[in-house]
Amino acid sequence: MVTKEELKKIKEKLRVEIRFSRSITEEEIKEEFNKKLTETESRILEAIDDFVKEIETIREERTIVAYQAERDRKTLEDHGRRMKTLEQKVFALP
């Protein structure tokens, strides 16, 4: 036979289970899951967006640096030719 104390424990356990089953429905679980999924997806997309912006900036900088390097190379070649011409005229032996 079940004692009065055991019945109280069973009754309390059933109350907890009923309270739990009432408080969280399948729809609520789905909503919470979708909310968390959306938040995670948003964070991932923001990180990807930041990454893509950084790559675009690097590409633009690389294009600018390449142009500047080519310009400087041409300037140096021009200076070299001019210096050679000046040296030949100034230091030319009669």
N, C-alpha and C. Protein backbone atom coordinates (compact mmCIF):
# COMPACT_ATOMS: atom_id res chain seq x y z
N MET A 1 0.83 -1.18 0.00
CA MET A 1 0.00 0.00 0.00
C MET A 1 0.89 1.25 0.00
N VAL A 2 0.38 2.29 -0.63
CA VAL A 2 1.12 3.55 -0.77
C VAL A 2 0.85 4.41 0.46
N THR A 3 1.93 4.96 0.97
CA THR A 3 1.78 5.80 2.15
C THR A 3 1.34 7.21 1.77
N LYS A 4 0.91 7.94 2.76
CA LYS A 4 0.47 9.31 2.55
C LYS A 4 1.64 10.17 2.04
N GLU A 5 2.80 9.94 2.55
CA GLU A 5 3.99 10.70 2.14
C GLU A 5 4.33 10.42 0.67
N GLU A 6 4.23 9.18 0.26
CA GLU A 6 4.51 8.82 -1.14
C GLU A 6 3.48 9.46 -2.07
N LEU A 7 2.22 9.50 -1.64
CA LEU A 7 1.19 10.16 -2.44
C LEU A 7 1.48 11.65 -2.61
N LYS A 8 1.96 12.30 -1.56
CA LYS A 8 2.31 13.71 -1.65
C LYS A 8 3.44 13.92 -2.67
N LYS A 9 4.43 13.06 -2.65
CA LYS A 9 5.55 13.16 -3.58
C LYS A 9 5.08 12.97 -5.03
N ILE A 10 4.23 11.97 -5.23
CA ILE A 10 3.70 11.70 -6.57
C ILE A 10 2.86 12.89 -7.04
N LYS A 11 2.04 13.43 -6.13
CA LYS A 11 1.20 14.57 -6.47
C LYS A 11 2.06 15.78 -6.86
N GLU A 12 3.11 16.04 -6.11
CA GLU A 12 3.99 17.17 -6.42
C GLU A 12 4.71 16.95 -7.75
N LYS A 13 5.14 15.73 -7.99
CA LYS A 13 5.81 15.42 -9.25
C LYS A 13 4.87 15.64 -10.43
N LEU A 14 3.63 15.23 -10.30
CA LEU A 14 2.64 15.43 -11.35
C LEU A 14 2.36 16.92 -11.56
N ARG A 15 2.31 17.69 -10.48
CA ARG A 15 2.11 19.13 -10.61
C ARG A 15 3.24 19.77 -11.41
N VAL A 16 4.45 19.37 -11.11
CA VAL A 16 5.61 19.91 -11.81
C VAL A 16 5.55 19.55 -13.29
N GLU A 17 5.22 18.30 -13.58
CA GLU A 17 5.14 17.86 -14.97
C GLU A 17 4.02 18.60 -15.72
N ILE A 18 2.88 18.76 -15.07
CA ILE A 18 1.77 19.47 -15.71
C ILE A 18 2.14 20.93 -15.93
N ARG A 19 2.76 21.55 -14.94
CA ARG A 19 3.18 22.95 -15.07
C ARG A 19 4.18 23.09 -16.22
N PHE A 20 5.11 22.16 -16.30
CA PHE A 20 6.11 22.20 -17.35
C PHE A 20 5.47 22.02 -18.72
N SER A 21 4.57 21.05 -18.83
CA SER A 21 3.93 20.80 -20.13
C SER A 21 3.04 21.96 -20.54
N ARG A 22 2.47 22.66 -19.59
CA ARG A 22 1.64 23.82 -19.93
C ARG A 22 2.49 25.02 -20.30
N SER A 23 3.60 25.16 -19.64
CA SER A 23 4.39 26.36 -19.83
C SER A 23 5.16 26.37 -21.15
N ILE A 24 5.54 25.24 -21.66
CA ILE A 24 6.30 25.18 -22.91
C ILE A 24 5.55 24.31 -23.91
N THR A 25 5.02 24.95 -24.91
CA THR A 25 4.33 24.22 -25.96
C THR A 25 5.28 24.00 -27.13
N GLU A 26 4.88 23.15 -28.01
CA GLU A 26 5.70 22.86 -29.19
C GLU A 26 5.88 24.13 -30.04
N GLU A 27 4.83 24.91 -30.14
CA GLU A 27 4.89 26.14 -30.92
C GLU A 27 5.88 27.13 -30.31
N GLU A 28 5.88 27.23 -29.01
CA GLU A 28 6.83 28.12 -28.33
C GLU A 28 8.27 27.67 -28.55
N ILE A 29 8.46 26.38 -28.53
CA ILE A 29 9.80 25.84 -28.78
C ILE A 29 10.24 26.19 -30.20
N LYS A 30 9.34 26.02 -31.16
CA LYS A 30 9.65 26.37 -32.55
C LYS A 30 9.96 27.85 -32.69
N GLU A 31 9.17 28.69 -32.04
CA GLU A 31 9.39 30.14 -32.11
C GLU A 31 10.74 30.52 -31.53
N GLU A 32 11.06 29.94 -30.38
CA GLU A 32 12.35 30.23 -29.75
C GLU A 32 13.52 29.75 -30.62
N PHE A 33 13.36 28.58 -31.20
CA PHE A 33 14.40 28.05 -32.09
C PHE A 33 14.58 28.96 -33.30
N ASN A 34 13.46 29.36 -33.92
CA ASN A 34 13.54 30.26 -35.08
C ASN A 34 14.17 31.60 -34.71
N LYS A 35 13.84 32.11 -33.53
CA LYS A 35 14.42 33.37 -33.07
C LYS A 35 15.94 33.23 -32.93
N LYS A 36 16.38 32.17 -32.28
CA LYS A 36 17.83 31.94 -32.10
C LYS A 36 18.51 31.73 -33.46
N LEU A 37 17.85 31.01 -34.33
CA LEU A 37 18.41 30.76 -35.66
C LEU A 37 18.55 32.06 -36.44
N THR A 38 17.55 32.92 -36.36
CA THR A 38 17.58 34.21 -37.05
C THR A 38 18.70 35.09 -36.48
N GLU A 39 18.85 35.11 -35.16
CA GLU A 39 19.91 35.90 -34.54
C GLU A 39 21.28 35.41 -34.98
N THR A 40 21.46 34.10 -35.01
CA THR A 40 22.74 33.52 -35.42
C THR A 40 23.01 33.82 -36.88
N GLU A 41 22.00 33.66 -37.71
CA GLU A 41 22.14 33.95 -39.13
C GLU A 41 22.51 35.42 -39.36
N SER A 42 21.88 36.29 -38.59
CA SER A 42 22.16 37.72 -38.71
C SER A 42 23.61 38.02 -38.34
N ARG A 43 24.09 37.43 -37.26
CA ARG A 43 25.49 37.65 -36.86
C ARG A 43 26.45 37.12 -37.91
N ILE A 44 26.14 35.98 -38.50
CA ILE A 44 27.01 35.41 -39.53
C ILE A 44 27.03 36.32 -40.75
N LEU A 45 25.86 36.78 -41.18
CA LEU A 45 25.79 37.65 -42.35
C LEU A 45 26.49 38.98 -42.11
N GLU A 46 26.40 39.52 -40.90
CA GLU A 46 27.11 40.75 -40.58
C GLU A 46 28.62 40.54 -40.65
N ALA A 47 29.08 39.39 -40.14
CA ALA A 47 30.52 39.09 -40.19
C ALA A 47 30.97 38.95 -41.63
N ILE A 48 30.18 38.28 -42.45
CA ILE A 48 30.52 38.12 -43.87
C ILE A 48 30.53 39.47 -44.56
N ASP A 49 29.56 40.33 -44.23
CA ASP A 49 29.50 41.66 -44.82
C ASP A 49 30.75 42.47 -44.48
N ASP A 50 31.15 42.42 -43.21
CA ASP A 50 32.38 43.11 -42.80
C ASP A 50 33.59 42.57 -43.55
N PHE A 51 33.64 41.26 -43.71
CA PHE A 51 34.75 40.61 -44.41
C PHE A 51 34.80 41.06 -45.87
N VAL A 52 33.65 41.08 -46.52
CA VAL A 52 33.59 41.48 -47.93
C VAL A 52 34.00 42.95 -48.09
N LYS A 53 33.55 43.81 -47.17
CA LYS A 53 33.95 45.22 -47.22
C LYS A 53 35.45 45.35 -47.09
N GLU A 54 36.05 44.58 -46.21
CA GLU A 54 37.51 44.62 -46.02
C GLU A 54 38.23 44.17 -47.28
N ILE A 55 37.73 43.14 -47.91
CA ILE A 55 38.35 42.66 -49.16
C ILE A 55 38.23 43.72 -50.25
N GLU A 56 37.08 44.37 -50.35
CA GLU A 56 36.91 45.43 -51.35
C GLU A 56 37.89 46.57 -51.11
N THR A 57 38.07 46.93 -49.85
CA THR A 57 39.01 48.00 -49.50
C THR A 57 40.43 47.60 -49.88
N ILE A 58 40.80 46.36 -49.60
CA ILE A 58 42.14 45.87 -49.94
C ILE A 58 42.34 45.89 -51.45
N ARG A 59 41.35 45.48 -52.20
CA ARG A 59 41.46 45.50 -53.67
C ARG A 59 41.64 46.92 -54.19
N GLU A 60 40.87 47.86 -53.65
CA GLU A 60 41.01 49.25 -54.08
C GLU A 60 42.40 49.78 -53.75
N GLU A 61 42.87 49.47 -52.54
CA GLU A 61 44.20 49.93 -52.15
C GLU A 61 45.28 49.30 -53.03
N ARG A 62 45.11 48.04 -53.35
CA ARG A 62 46.08 47.35 -54.21
C ARG A 62 46.14 48.00 -55.59
N THR A 63 45.00 48.39 -56.13
CA THR A 63 44.95 49.06 -57.42
C THR A 63 45.67 50.41 -57.35
N ILE A 64 45.42 51.14 -56.29
CA ILE A 64 46.07 52.45 -56.11
C ILE A 64 47.58 52.28 -55.97
N VAL A 65 47.99 51.34 -55.15
CA VAL A 65 49.43 51.11 -54.93
C VAL A 65 50.10 50.66 -56.23
N ALA A 66 49.44 49.83 -57.00
CA ALA A 66 50.02 49.38 -58.27
C ALA A 66 50.21 50.56 -59.21
N TYR A 67 49.22 51.45 -59.27
CA TYR A 67 49.33 52.64 -60.11
C TYR A 67 50.49 53.53 -59.63
N GLN A 68 50.56 53.74 -58.31
CA GLN A 68 51.63 54.59 -57.77
C GLN A 68 53.00 53.97 -58.02
N ALA A 69 53.11 52.66 -57.88
CA ALA A 69 54.39 52.00 -58.11
C ALA A 69 54.81 52.14 -59.58
N GLU A 70 53.88 51.99 -60.49
CA GLU A 70 54.19 52.14 -61.92
C GLU A 70 54.60 53.57 -62.22
N ARG A 71 53.89 54.54 -61.66
CA ARG A 71 54.23 55.95 -61.85
C ARG A 71 55.63 56.25 -61.32
N ASP A 72 55.93 55.73 -60.12
CA ASP A 72 57.25 55.96 -59.53
C ASP A 72 58.35 55.29 -60.34
N ARG A 73 58.08 54.09 -60.86
CA ARG A 73 59.07 53.38 -61.69
C ARG A 73 59.39 54.20 -62.94
N LYS A 74 58.37 54.73 -63.59
CA LYS A 74 58.57 55.55 -64.79
C LYS A 74 59.35 56.82 -64.45
N THR A 75 59.01 57.44 -63.33
CA THR A 75 59.72 58.65 -62.89
C THR A 75 61.20 58.35 -62.65
N LEU A 76 61.48 57.24 -61.99
CA LEU A 76 62.88 56.86 -61.73
C LEU A 76 63.64 56.59 -63.03
N GLU A 77 62.99 55.91 -63.96
CA GLU A 77 63.63 55.66 -65.25
C GLU A 77 63.93 56.98 -65.95
N ASP A 78 62.97 57.91 -65.90
CA ASP A 78 63.16 59.21 -66.53
C ASP A 78 64.31 59.97 -65.86
N HIS A 79 64.37 59.94 -64.54
CA HIS A 79 65.46 60.60 -63.83
C HIS A 79 66.80 59.96 -64.19
N GLY A 80 66.80 58.66 -64.30
CA GLY A 80 68.04 57.96 -64.67
C GLY A 80 68.53 58.41 -66.03
N ARG A 81 67.64 58.49 -67.00
CA ARG A 81 68.03 58.94 -68.35
C ARG A 81 68.54 60.37 -68.32
N ARG A 82 67.84 61.22 -67.59
CA ARG A 82 68.24 62.63 -67.52
C ARG A 82 69.61 62.78 -66.84
N MET A 83 69.82 62.00 -65.77
CA MET A 83 71.12 62.07 -65.09
C MET A 83 72.24 61.59 -66.00
N LYS A 84 71.98 60.54 -66.74
CA LYS A 84 72.99 60.01 -67.66
C LYS A 84 73.33 61.06 -68.72
N THR A 85 72.32 61.72 -69.27
CA THR A 85 72.54 62.76 -70.27
C THR A 85 73.34 63.91 -69.68
N LEU A 86 72.96 64.35 -68.47
CA LEU A 86 73.69 65.44 -67.81
C LEU A 86 75.14 65.06 -67.54
N GLU A 87 75.35 63.85 -67.05
CA GLU A 87 76.72 63.40 -66.76
C GLU A 87 77.56 63.38 -68.03
N GLN A 88 76.95 62.94 -69.13
CA GLN A 88 77.71 62.89 -70.38
C GLN A 88 78.07 64.29 -70.86
N LYS A 89 77.17 65.26 -70.68
CA LYS A 89 77.42 66.62 -71.15
C LYS A 89 78.34 67.39 -70.19
N VAL A 90 78.13 67.21 -68.89
CA VAL A 90 78.90 67.97 -67.90
C VAL A 90 80.29 67.39 -67.74
N PHE A 91 80.39 66.09 -67.67
CA PHE A 91 81.68 65.45 -67.41
C PHE A 91 82.34 64.91 -68.67
N ALA A 92 81.85 65.33 -69.78
CA ALA A 92 82.41 64.85 -71.05
C ALA A 92 83.84 65.39 -71.22
N LEU A 93 84.68 64.53 -71.65
CA LEU A 93 86.08 64.95 -71.88
C LEU A 93 86.17 65.54 -73.27
N PRO A 94 86.89 66.65 -73.38
CA PRO A 94 87.00 67.29 -74.71
C PRO A 94 87.82 66.49 -75.67
